[in-house]
Amino acid sequence: VAETADRVAVMYAGRIVETGSIDDVFTRPAHPYTVGLMNSIPRVDQVGSRLSPIVGSPPSLAAIPPGCAFHPRCPRAQDVCRADDPPLLQVATGRRSACHFAKEVLDV
């Protein structure tokens, strides 16, 4: 993707959870799922290091949990995540994220 596109949309459970330029999304994700994806990609500059898989399994599309669909697997999940499905909002110029804590994810 990074070699063929300028912008990217990250999806989870059939929904866009983050959009932005390739550089921004790959180097500074604004959604915990995107962080998990980036941490699970093997890298040649980290030979011998362990990958950090995303814990748990994706939900069945026939039984998506209430609130944020990623909350059962999210290390940042709080009560609001289990109750309210976050809208895809602008979190920076050219960036959108569907996470209640997107600004905090960006600040890490």
PDB file of N, CA and C in Angstrom:
ATOM      1  N   VAL A   1       0.838  -1.190   0.000  1.00  0.00           N
ATOM      2  CA  VAL A   1       0.000   0.000   0.000  1.00  0.00           C
ATOM      3  C   VAL A   1       0.880   1.249   0.000  1.00  0.00           C
ATOM      4  N   ALA A   2       1.906   1.257   0.825  1.00  0.00           N
ATOM      5  CA  ALA A   2       2.743   2.457   0.967  1.00  0.00           C
ATOM      6  C   ALA A   2       3.431   2.845  -0.334  1.00  0.00           C
ATOM      7  N   GLU A   3       3.640   1.914  -1.219  1.00  0.00           N
ATOM      8  CA  GLU A   3       4.330   2.206  -2.476  1.00  0.00           C
ATOM      9  C   GLU A   3       3.385   2.598  -3.602  1.00  0.00           C
ATOM     10  N   THR A   4       2.083   2.411  -3.423  1.00  0.00           N
ATOM     11  CA  THR A   4       1.163   2.670  -4.528  1.00  0.00           C
ATOM     12  C   THR A   4       0.101   3.728  -4.252  1.00  0.00           C
ATOM     13  N   ALA A   5      -0.025   4.165  -3.011  1.00  0.00           N
ATOM     14  CA  ALA A   5      -1.096   5.113  -2.671  1.00  0.00           C
ATOM     15  C   ALA A   5      -0.536   6.317  -1.914  1.00  0.00           C
ATOM     16  N   ASP A   6      -1.280   7.410  -1.955  1.00  0.00           N
ATOM     17  CA  ASP A   6      -0.924   8.601  -1.188  1.00  0.00           C
ATOM     18  C   ASP A   6      -1.709   8.670   0.118  1.00  0.00           C
ATOM     19  N   ARG A   7      -2.947   8.154   0.078  1.00  0.00           N
ATOM     20  CA  ARG A   7      -3.823   8.169   1.251  1.00  0.00           C
ATOM     21  C   ARG A   7      -4.305   6.745   1.507  1.00  0.00           C
ATOM     22  N   VAL A   8      -4.714   6.503   2.757  1.00  0.00           N
ATOM     23  CA  VAL A   8      -5.161   5.166   3.131  1.00  0.00           C
ATOM     24  C   VAL A   8      -6.357   5.279   4.066  1.00  0.00           C
ATOM     25  N   ALA A   9      -7.212   4.268   4.015  1.00  0.00           N
ATOM     26  CA  ALA A   9      -8.315   4.112   4.955  1.00  0.00           C
ATOM     27  C   ALA A   9      -8.139   2.762   5.631  1.00  0.00           C
ATOM     28  N   VAL A  10      -8.161   2.761   6.944  1.00  0.00           N
ATOM     29  CA  VAL A  10      -8.038   1.530   7.724  1.00  0.00           C
ATOM     30  C   VAL A  10      -9.443   1.127   8.161  1.00  0.00           C
ATOM     31  N   MET A  11      -9.781  -0.152   7.957  1.00  0.00           N
ATOM     32  CA  MET A  11     -11.116  -0.636   8.306  1.00  0.00           C
ATOM     33  C   MET A  11     -11.034  -1.703   9.386  1.00  0.00           C
ATOM     34  N   TYR A  12     -12.054  -1.720  10.245  1.00  0.00           N
ATOM     35  CA  TYR A  12     -12.208  -2.772  11.236  1.00  0.00           C
ATOM     36  C   TYR A  12     -13.684  -3.122  11.316  1.00  0.00           C
ATOM     37  N   ALA A  13     -13.996  -4.392  11.223  1.00  0.00           N
ATOM     38  CA  ALA A  13     -15.373  -4.888  11.303  1.00  0.00           C
ATOM     39  C   ALA A  13     -16.285  -4.178  10.301  1.00  0.00           C
ATOM     40  N   GLY A  14     -15.772  -3.959   9.089  1.00  0.00           N
ATOM     41  CA  GLY A  14     -16.579  -3.377   8.021  1.00  0.00           C
ATOM     42  C   GLY A  14     -16.762  -1.877   8.080  1.00  0.00           C
ATOM     43  N   ARG A  15     -16.006  -1.203   8.945  1.00  0.00           N
ATOM     44  CA  ARG A  15     -16.158   0.242   9.117  1.00  0.00           C
ATOM     45  C   ARG A  15     -14.798   0.932   9.034  1.00  0.00           C
ATOM     46  N   ILE A  16     -14.752   2.090   8.403  1.00  0.00           N
ATOM     47  CA  ILE A  16     -13.513   2.861   8.380  1.00  0.00           C
ATOM     48  C   ILE A  16     -13.273   3.424   9.779  1.00  0.00           C
ATOM     49  N   VAL A  17     -12.077   3.159  10.321  1.00  0.00           N
ATOM     50  CA  VAL A  17     -11.734   3.649  11.654  1.00  0.00           C
ATOM     51  C   VAL A  17     -10.642   4.713  11.617  1.00  0.00           C
ATOM     52  N   GLU A  18      -9.950   4.843  10.479  1.00  0.00           N
ATOM     53  CA  GLU A  18      -8.927   5.878  10.359  1.00  0.00           C
ATOM     54  C   GLU A  18      -8.649   6.166   8.900  1.00  0.00           C
ATOM     55  N   THR A  19      -8.407   7.434   8.588  1.00  0.00           N
ATOM     56  CA  THR A  19      -7.980   7.840   7.251  1.00  0.00           C
ATOM     57  C   THR A  19      -6.876   8.878   7.391  1.00  0.00           C
ATOM     58  N   GLY A  20      -6.046   8.943   6.373  1.00  0.00           N
ATOM     59  CA  GLY A  20      -4.986   9.942   6.355  1.00  0.00           C
ATOM     60  C   GLY A  20      -3.975   9.625   5.281  1.00  0.00           C
ATOM     61  N   SER A  21      -2.925  10.432   5.231  1.00  0.00           N
ATOM     62  CA  SER A  21      -1.860  10.167   4.272  1.00  0.00           C
ATOM     63  C   SER A  21      -1.128   8.900   4.702  1.00  0.00           C
ATOM     64  N   ILE A  22      -0.523   8.235   3.746  1.00  0.00           N
ATOM     65  CA  ILE A  22       0.255   7.024   4.042  1.00  0.00           C
ATOM     66  C   ILE A  22       1.288   7.314   5.122  1.00  0.00           C
ATOM     67  N   ASP A  23       2.045   8.394   4.953  1.00  0.00           N
ATOM     68  CA  ASP A  23       3.096   8.714   5.924  1.00  0.00           C
ATOM     69  C   ASP A  23       2.533   8.912   7.323  1.00  0.00           C
ATOM     70  N   ASP A  24       1.453   9.685   7.448  1.00  0.00           N
ATOM     71  CA  ASP A  24       0.869   9.944   8.765  1.00  0.00           C
ATOM     72  C   ASP A  24       0.340   8.673   9.418  1.00  0.00           C
ATOM     73  N   VAL A  25      -0.437   7.909   8.678  1.00  0.00           N
ATOM     74  CA  VAL A  25      -1.063   6.712   9.252  1.00  0.00           C
ATOM     75  C   VAL A  25      -0.016   5.665   9.616  1.00  0.00           C
ATOM     76  N   PHE A  26       1.007   5.495   8.773  1.00  0.00           N
ATOM     77  CA  PHE A  26       2.022   4.480   9.050  1.00  0.00           C
ATOM     78  C   PHE A  26       2.979   4.899  10.164  1.00  0.00           C
ATOM     79  N   THR A  27       3.276   6.182  10.296  1.00  0.00           N
ATOM     80  CA  THR A  27       4.265   6.598  11.295  1.00  0.00           C
ATOM     81  C   THR A  27       3.646   7.120  12.586  1.00  0.00           C
ATOM     82  N   ARG A  28       2.405   7.609  12.519  1.00  0.00           N
ATOM     83  CA  ARG A  28       1.737   8.168  13.707  1.00  0.00           C
ATOM     84  C   ARG A  28       0.259   7.830  13.683  1.00  0.00           C
ATOM     85  N   PRO A  29      -0.101   6.573  13.901  1.00  0.00           N
ATOM     86  CA  PRO A  29      -1.512   6.173  13.850  1.00  0.00           C
ATOM     87  C   PRO A  29      -2.357   6.926  14.872  1.00  0.00           C
ATOM     88  N   ALA A  30      -3.649   7.084  14.533  1.00  0.00           N
ATOM     89  CA  ALA A  30      -4.586   7.792  15.413  1.00  0.00           C
ATOM     90  C   ALA A  30      -5.700   6.877  15.909  1.00  0.00           C
ATOM     91  N   HIS A  31      -5.555   5.575  15.706  1.00  0.00           N
ATOM     92  CA  HIS A  31      -6.549   4.614  16.192  1.00  0.00           C
ATOM     93  C   HIS A  31      -5.794   3.409  16.767  1.00  0.00           C
ATOM     94  N   PRO A  32      -6.229   2.881  17.906  1.00  0.00           N
ATOM     95  CA  PRO A  32      -5.530   1.735  18.509  1.00  0.00           C
ATOM     96  C   PRO A  32      -5.427   0.517  17.583  1.00  0.00           C
ATOM     97  N   TYR A  33      -6.413   0.295  16.732  1.00  0.00           N
ATOM     98  CA  TYR A  33      -6.323  -0.831  15.801  1.00  0.00           C
ATOM     99  C   TYR A  33      -5.176  -0.621  14.827  1.00  0.00           C
ATOM    100  N   THR A  34      -5.025   0.600  14.314  1.00  0.00           N
ATOM    101  CA  THR A  34      -3.938   0.892  13.394  1.00  0.00           C
ATOM    102  C   THR A  34      -2.595   0.721  14.098  1.00  0.00           C
ATOM    103  N   VAL A  35      -2.505   1.148  15.355  1.00  0.00           N
ATOM    104  CA  VAL A  35      -1.281   0.945  16.140  1.00  0.00           C
ATOM    105  C   VAL A  35      -0.966  -0.553  16.188  1.00  0.00           C
ATOM    106  N   GLY A  36      -1.980  -1.365  16.476  1.00  0.00           N
ATOM    107  CA  GLY A  36      -1.799  -2.812  16.527  1.00  0.00           C
ATOM    108  C   GLY A  36      -1.342  -3.387  15.201  1.00  0.00           C
ATOM    109  N   LEU A  37      -1.927  -2.910  14.105  1.00  0.00           N
ATOM    110  CA  LEU A  37      -1.506  -3.382  12.782  1.00  0.00           C
ATOM    111  C   LEU A  37      -0.044  -3.047  12.527  1.00  0.00           C
ATOM    112  N   MET A  38       0.341  -1.819  12.808  1.00  0.00           N
ATOM    113  CA  MET A  38       1.720  -1.391  12.569  1.00  0.00           C
ATOM    114  C   MET A  38       2.708  -2.175  13.435  1.00  0.00           C
ATOM    115  N   ASN A  39       2.310  -2.511  14.660  1.00  0.00           N
ATOM    116  CA  ASN A  39       3.189  -3.272  15.555  1.00  0.00           C
ATOM    117  C   ASN A  39       3.268  -4.750  15.213  1.00  0.00           C
ATOM    118  N   SER A  40       2.409  -5.221  14.331  1.00  0.00           N
ATOM    119  CA  SER A  40       2.424  -6.645  13.978  1.00  0.00           C
ATOM    120  C   SER A  40       3.048  -6.908  12.612  1.00  0.00           C
ATOM    121  N   ILE A  41       3.614  -5.883  11.991  1.00  0.00           N
ATOM    122  CA  ILE A  41       4.268  -6.039  10.689  1.00  0.00           C
ATOM    123  C   ILE A  41       5.738  -6.392  10.906  1.00  0.00           C
ATOM    124  N   PRO A  42       6.214  -7.496  10.334  1.00  0.00           N
ATOM    125  CA  PRO A  42       7.643  -7.816  10.447  1.00  0.00           C
ATOM    126  C   PRO A  42       8.480  -6.725   9.767  1.00  0.00           C
ATOM    127  N   ARG A  43       9.603  -6.368  10.404  1.00  0.00           N
ATOM    128  CA  ARG A  43      10.473  -5.332   9.850  1.00  0.00           C
ATOM    129  C   ARG A  43      11.891  -5.874   9.733  1.00  0.00           C
ATOM    130  N   VAL A  44      12.549  -5.574   8.622  1.00  0.00           N
ATOM    131  CA  VAL A  44      13.911  -6.063   8.410  1.00  0.00           C
ATOM    132  C   VAL A  44      14.907  -5.397   9.348  1.00  0.00           C
ATOM    133  N   ASP A  45      14.602  -4.202   9.849  1.00  0.00           N
ATOM    134  CA  ASP A  45      15.523  -3.530  10.765  1.00  0.00           C
ATOM    135  C   ASP A  45      15.366  -4.005  12.207  1.00  0.00           C
ATOM    136  N   GLN A  46      14.457  -4.960  12.442  1.00  0.00           N
ATOM    137  CA  GLN A  46      14.259  -5.497  13.786  1.00  0.00           C
ATOM    138  C   GLN A  46      14.304  -7.023  13.766  1.00  0.00           C
ATOM    139  N   VAL A  47      15.292  -7.562  13.052  1.00  0.00           N
ATOM    140  CA  VAL A  47      15.446  -9.009  12.943  1.00  0.00           C
ATOM    141  C   VAL A  47      15.649  -9.604  14.327  1.00  0.00           C
ATOM    142  N   GLY A  48      14.922 -10.670  14.615  1.00  0.00           N
ATOM    143  CA  GLY A  48      15.036 -11.354  15.890  1.00  0.00           C
ATOM    144  C   GLY A  48      14.116 -10.820  16.969  1.00  0.00           C
ATOM    145  N   SER A  49      13.487  -9.674  16.745  1.00  0.00           N
ATOM    146  CA  SER A  49      12.567  -9.154  17.758  1.00  0.00           C
ATOM    147  C   SER A  49      11.193  -9.798  17.579  1.00  0.00           C
ATOM    148  N   ARG A  50      10.428  -9.821  18.645  1.00  0.00           N
ATOM    149  CA  ARG A  50       9.107 -10.438  18.611  1.00  0.00           C
ATOM    150  C   ARG A  50       8.065  -9.440  18.113  1.00  0.00           C
ATOM    151  N   LEU A  51       7.103  -9.937  17.365  1.00  0.00           N
ATOM    152  CA  LEU A  51       5.983  -9.117  16.911  1.00  0.00           C
ATOM    153  C   LEU A  51       4.994  -8.963  18.060  1.00  0.00           C
ATOM    154  N   SER A  52       4.230  -7.896  18.026  1.00  0.00           N
ATOM    155  CA  SER A  52       3.190  -7.658  19.034  1.00  0.00           C
ATOM    156  C   SER A  52       1.831  -7.867  18.380  1.00  0.00           C
ATOM    157  N   PRO A  53       1.281  -9.080  18.485  1.00  0.00           N
ATOM    158  CA  PRO A  53      -0.008  -9.325  17.844  1.00  0.00           C
ATOM    159  C   PRO A  53      -1.140  -8.602  18.571  1.00  0.00           C
ATOM    160  N   ILE A  54      -2.225  -8.375  17.853  1.00  0.00           N
ATOM    161  CA  ILE A  54      -3.433  -7.829  18.461  1.00  0.00           C
ATOM    162  C   ILE A  54      -4.125  -8.980  19.186  1.00  0.00           C
ATOM    163  N   VAL A  55      -4.347  -8.820  20.466  1.00  0.00           N
ATOM    164  CA  VAL A  55      -4.942  -9.873  21.290  1.00  0.00           C
ATOM    165  C   VAL A  55      -6.403 -10.083  20.893  1.00  0.00           C
ATOM    166  N   GLY A  56      -6.856 -11.332  20.959  1.00  0.00           N
ATOM    167  CA  GLY A  56      -8.256 -11.646  20.685  1.00  0.00           C
ATOM    168  C   GLY A  56      -8.525 -11.878  19.213  1.00  0.00           C
ATOM    169  N   SER A  57      -9.795 -12.034  18.904  1.00  0.00           N
ATOM    170  CA  SER A  57     -10.231 -12.309  17.537  1.00  0.00           C
ATOM    171  C   SER A  57     -11.188 -11.224  17.064  1.00  0.00           C
ATOM    172  N   PRO A  58     -11.209 -10.972  15.754  1.00  0.00           N
ATOM    173  CA  PRO A  58     -12.181 -10.012  15.222  1.00  0.00           C
ATOM    174  C   PRO A  58     -13.600 -10.507  15.478  1.00  0.00           C
ATOM    175  N   PRO A  59     -14.548  -9.582  15.605  1.00  0.00           N
ATOM    176  CA  PRO A  59     -15.929 -10.012  15.851  1.00  0.00           C
ATOM    177  C   PRO A  59     -16.561 -10.578  14.584  1.00  0.00           C
ATOM    178  N   SER A  60     -17.574 -11.387  14.785  1.00  0.00           N
ATOM    179  CA  SER A  60     -18.388 -11.831  13.662  1.00  0.00           C
ATOM    180  C   SER A  60     -19.135 -10.613  13.130  1.00  0.00           C
ATOM    181  N   LEU A  61     -19.169 -10.438  11.823  1.00  0.00           N
ATOM    182  CA  LEU A  61     -19.894  -9.305  11.253  1.00  0.00           C
ATOM    183  C   LEU A  61     -21.403  -9.422  11.489  1.00  0.00           C
ATOM    184  N   ALA A  62     -21.860 -10.613  11.858  1.00  0.00           N
ATOM    185  CA  ALA A  62     -23.272 -10.809  12.190  1.00  0.00           C
ATOM    186  C   ALA A  62     -23.561 -10.475  13.655  1.00  0.00           C
ATOM    187  N   ALA A  63     -22.505 -10.266  14.444  1.00  0.00           N
ATOM    188  CA  ALA A  63     -22.691  -9.982  15.873  1.00  0.00           C
ATOM    189  C   ALA A  63     -21.638  -8.987  16.357  1.00  0.00           C
ATOM    190  N   ILE A  64     -21.600  -7.815  15.739  1.00  0.00           N
ATOM    191  CA  ILE A  64     -20.654  -6.778  16.139  1.00  0.00           C
ATOM    192  C   ILE A  64     -21.082  -6.242  17.497  1.00  0.00           C
ATOM    193  N   PRO A  65     -20.147  -6.133  18.443  1.00  0.00           N
ATOM    194  CA  PRO A  65     -20.531  -5.671  19.784  1.00  0.00           C
ATOM    195  C   PRO A  65     -21.001  -4.218  19.766  1.00  0.00           C
ATOM    196  N   PRO A  66     -21.777  -3.829  20.774  1.00  0.00           N
ATOM    197  CA  PRO A  66     -22.217  -2.429  20.857  1.00  0.00           C
ATOM    198  C   PRO A  66     -21.026  -1.518  21.140  1.00  0.00           C
ATOM    199  N   GLY A  67     -21.198  -0.237  20.870  1.00  0.00           N
ATOM    200  CA  GLY A  67     -20.112   0.718  21.072  1.00  0.00           C
ATOM    201  C   GLY A  67     -19.083   0.567  19.966  1.00  0.00           C
ATOM    202  N   CYS A  68     -17.845   0.801  20.294  1.00  0.00           N
ATOM    203  CA  CYS A  68     -16.752   0.635  19.343  1.00  0.00           C
ATOM    204  C   CYS A  68     -16.530  -0.861  19.127  1.00  0.00           C
ATOM    205  N   ALA A  69     -16.556  -1.299  17.886  1.00  0.00           N
ATOM    206  CA  ALA A  69     -16.405  -2.725  17.583  1.00  0.00           C
ATOM    207  C   ALA A  69     -15.049  -3.271  18.033  1.00  0.00           C
ATOM    208  N   PHE A  70     -14.049  -2.413  18.151  1.00  0.00           N
ATOM    209  CA  PHE A  70     -12.700  -2.847  18.541  1.00  0.00           C
ATOM    210  C   PHE A  70     -12.529  -2.945  20.057  1.00  0.00           C
ATOM    211  N   HIS A  71     -13.485  -2.447  20.840  1.00  0.00           N
ATOM    212  CA  HIS A  71     -13.276  -2.362  22.293  1.00  0.00           C
ATOM    213  C   HIS A  71     -12.910  -3.679  22.984  1.00  0.00           C
ATOM    214  N   PRO A  72     -13.426  -4.851  22.562  1.00  0.00           N
ATOM    215  CA  PRO A  72     -13.021  -6.076  23.261  1.00  0.00           C
ATOM    216  C   PRO A  72     -11.528  -6.405  23.113  1.00  0.00           C
ATOM    217  N   ARG A  73     -10.878  -5.846  22.098  1.00  0.00           N
ATOM    218  CA  ARG A  73      -9.462  -6.127  21.840  1.00  0.00           C
ATOM    219  C   ARG A  73      -8.563  -4.931  22.129  1.00  0.00           C
ATOM    220  N   CYS A  74      -9.144  -3.819  22.501  1.00  0.00           N
ATOM    221  CA  CYS A  74      -8.415  -2.559  22.617  1.00  0.00           C
ATOM    222  C   CYS A  74      -7.780  -2.375  23.994  1.00  0.00           C
ATOM    223  N   PRO A  75      -6.483  -2.081  24.038  1.00  0.00           N
ATOM    224  CA  PRO A  75      -5.836  -1.844  25.328  1.00  0.00           C
ATOM    225  C   PRO A  75      -6.268  -0.528  25.989  1.00  0.00           C
ATOM    226  N   ARG A  76      -6.896   0.376  25.248  1.00  0.00           N
ATOM    227  CA  ARG A  76      -7.350   1.667  25.789  1.00  0.00           C
ATOM    228  C   ARG A  76      -8.834   1.677  26.147  1.00  0.00           C
ATOM    229  N   ALA A  77      -9.544   0.594  25.929  1.00  0.00           N
ATOM    230  CA  ALA A  77     -11.002   0.570  26.104  1.00  0.00           C
ATOM    231  C   ALA A  77     -11.431   0.988  27.511  1.00  0.00           C
ATOM    232  N   GLN A  78     -12.461   1.832  27.536  1.00  0.00           N
ATOM    233  CA  GLN A  78     -13.087   2.268  28.774  1.00  0.00           C
ATOM    234  C   GLN A  78     -14.594   2.138  28.596  1.00  0.00           C
ATOM    235  N   ASP A  79     -15.353   2.483  29.622  1.00  0.00           N
ATOM    236  CA  ASP A  79     -16.808   2.314  29.573  1.00  0.00           C
ATOM    237  C   ASP A  79     -17.446   3.001  28.369  1.00  0.00           C
ATOM    238  N   VAL A  80     -16.976   4.196  28.020  1.00  0.00           N
ATOM    239  CA  VAL A  80     -17.549   4.920  26.878  1.00  0.00           C
ATOM    240  C   VAL A  80     -17.394   4.119  25.587  1.00  0.00           C
ATOM    241  N   CYS A  81     -16.327   3.354  25.470  1.00  0.00           N
ATOM    242  CA  CYS A  81     -16.079   2.556  24.265  1.00  0.00           C
ATOM    243  C   CYS A  81     -17.088   1.411  24.137  1.00  0.00           C
ATOM    244  N   ARG A  82     -17.511   0.876  25.264  1.00  0.00           N
ATOM    245  CA  ARG A  82     -18.484  -0.225  25.260  1.00  0.00           C
ATOM    246  C   ARG A  82     -19.900   0.270  24.997  1.00  0.00           C
ATOM    247  N   ALA A  83     -20.146   1.563  25.227  1.00  0.00           N
ATOM    248  CA  ALA A  83     -21.499   2.119  25.099  1.00  0.00           C
ATOM    249  C   ALA A  83     -21.712   2.931  23.822  1.00  0.00           C
ATOM    250  N   ASP A  84     -20.733   3.729  23.433  1.00  0.00           N
ATOM    251  CA  ASP A  84     -20.911   4.668  22.315  1.00  0.00           C
ATOM    252  C   ASP A  84     -19.974   4.352  21.159  1.00  0.00           C
ATOM    253  N   ASP A  85     -20.552   4.222  19.976  1.00  0.00           N
ATOM    254  CA  ASP A  85     -19.778   4.012  18.761  1.00  0.00           C
ATOM    255  C   ASP A  85     -19.186   5.361  18.343  1.00  0.00           C
ATOM    256  N   PRO A  86     -17.872   5.523  18.383  1.00  0.00           N
ATOM    257  CA  PRO A  86     -17.294   6.836  18.082  1.00  0.00           C
ATOM    258  C   PRO A  86     -17.427   7.192  16.601  1.00  0.00           C
ATOM    259  N   PRO A  87     -17.793   8.434  16.293  1.00  0.00           N
ATOM    260  CA  PRO A  87     -17.865   8.864  14.890  1.00  0.00           C
ATOM    261  C   PRO A  87     -16.467   9.072  14.325  1.00  0.00           C
ATOM    262  N   LEU A  88     -16.362   9.024  13.017  1.00  0.00           N
ATOM    263  CA  LEU A  88     -15.103   9.292  12.308  1.00  0.00           C
ATOM    264  C   LEU A  88     -14.940  10.806  12.237  1.00  0.00           C
ATOM    265  N   LEU A  89     -14.073  11.350  13.103  1.00  0.00           N
ATOM    266  CA  LEU A  89     -13.906  12.797  13.207  1.00  0.00           C
ATOM    267  C   LEU A  89     -12.488  13.218  12.840  1.00  0.00           C
ATOM    268  N   GLN A  90     -12.365  14.470  12.416  1.00  0.00           N
ATOM    269  CA  GLN A  90     -11.048  15.020  12.123  1.00  0.00           C
ATOM    270  C   GLN A  90     -10.275  15.183  13.430  1.00  0.00           C
ATOM    271  N   VAL A  91      -9.046  14.652  13.460  1.00  0.00           N
ATOM    272  CA  VAL A  91      -8.204  14.746  14.652  1.00  0.00           C
ATOM    273  C   VAL A  91      -6.942  15.561  14.390  1.00  0.00           C
ATOM    274  N   ALA A  92      -6.664  15.823  13.124  1.00  0.00           N
ATOM    275  CA  ALA A  92      -5.543  16.658  12.690  1.00  0.00           C
ATOM    276  C   ALA A  92      -5.809  16.981  11.223  1.00  0.00           C
ATOM    277  N   THR A  93      -5.052  17.878  10.675  1.00  0.00           N
ATOM    278  CA  THR A  93      -5.238  18.242   9.270  1.00  0.00           C
ATOM    279  C   THR A  93      -5.094  17.008   8.390  1.00  0.00           C
ATOM    280  N   GLY A  94      -6.141  16.698   7.642  1.00  0.00           N
ATOM    281  CA  GLY A  94      -6.116  15.550   6.739  1.00  0.00           C
ATOM    282  C   GLY A  94      -6.226  14.209   7.419  1.00  0.00           C
ATOM    283  N   ARG A  95      -6.531  14.191   8.717  1.00  0.00           N
ATOM    284  CA  ARG A  95      -6.606  12.939   9.484  1.00  0.00           C
ATOM    285  C   ARG A  95      -7.971  12.792  10.113  1.00  0.00           C
ATOM    286  N   ARG A  96      -8.512  11.570  10.064  1.00  0.00           N
ATOM    287  CA  ARG A  96      -9.765  11.269  10.727  1.00  0.00           C
ATOM    288  C   ARG A  96      -9.586   9.956  11.492  1.00  0.00           C
ATOM    289  N   SER A  97     -10.245   9.876  12.650  1.00  0.00           N
ATOM    290  CA  SER A  97     -10.188   8.665  13.448  1.00  0.00           C
ATOM    291  C   SER A  97     -11.531   8.457  14.140  1.00  0.00           C
ATOM    292  N   ALA A  98     -11.934   7.195  14.243  1.00  0.00           N
ATOM    293  CA  ALA A  98     -13.156   6.831  14.961  1.00  0.00           C
ATOM    294  C   ALA A  98     -12.754   6.196  16.288  1.00  0.00           C
ATOM    295  N   CYS A  99     -12.172   7.016  17.163  1.00  0.00           N
ATOM    296  CA  CYS A  99     -11.762   6.556  18.488  1.00  0.00           C
ATOM    297  C   CYS A  99     -12.031   7.676  19.481  1.00  0.00           C
ATOM    298  N   HIS A 100     -12.606   7.318  20.624  1.00  0.00           N
ATOM    299  CA  HIS A 100     -12.862   8.317  21.664  1.00  0.00           C
ATOM    300  C   HIS A 100     -11.561   8.922  22.188  1.00  0.00           C
ATOM    301  N   PHE A 101     -10.459   8.220  22.013  1.00  0.00           N
ATOM    302  CA  PHE A 101      -9.173   8.639  22.567  1.00  0.00           C
ATOM    303  C   PHE A 101      -8.125   8.884  21.480  1.00  0.00           C
ATOM    304  N   ALA A 102      -8.571   9.277  20.300  1.00  0.00           N
ATOM    305  CA  ALA A 102      -7.666   9.463  19.168  1.00  0.00           C
ATOM    306  C   ALA A 102      -6.563  10.469  19.454  1.00  0.00           C
ATOM    307  N   LYS A 103      -6.890  11.568  20.107  1.00  0.00           N
ATOM    308  CA  LYS A 103      -5.860  12.588  20.388  1.00  0.00           C
ATOM    309  C   LYS A 103      -4.790  12.021  21.315  1.00  0.00           C
ATOM    310  N   GLU A 104      -5.184  11.211  22.285  1.00  0.00           N
ATOM    311  CA  GLU A 104      -4.214  10.580  23.167  1.00  0.00           C
ATOM    312  C   GLU A 104      -3.362   9.548  22.406  1.00  0.00           C
ATOM    313  N   VAL A 105      -3.983   8.812  21.495  1.00  0.00           N
ATOM    314  CA  VAL A 105      -3.232   7.836  20.688  1.00  0.00           C
ATOM    315  C   VAL A 105      -2.190   8.575  19.852  1.00  0.00           C
ATOM    316  N   LEU A 106      -2.564   9.704  19.273  1.00  0.00           N
ATOM    317  CA  LEU A 106      -1.622  10.503  18.482  1.00  0.00           C
ATOM    318  C   LEU A 106      -0.479  11.029  19.331  1.00  0.00           C
ATOM    319  N   ASP A 107      -0.729  11.354  20.582  1.00  0.00           N
ATOM    320  CA  ASP A 107       0.280  11.958  21.453  1.00  0.00           C
ATOM    321  C   ASP A 107       1.309  10.963  21.986  1.00  0.00           C
ATOM    322  N   VAL A 108       1.092   9.665  21.758  1.00  0.00           N
ATOM    323  CA  VAL A 108       2.032   8.658  22.275  1.00  0.00           C
ATOM    324  C   VAL A 108       3.292   8.663  21.455  1.00  0.00           C
TER     325      VAL A 108
END
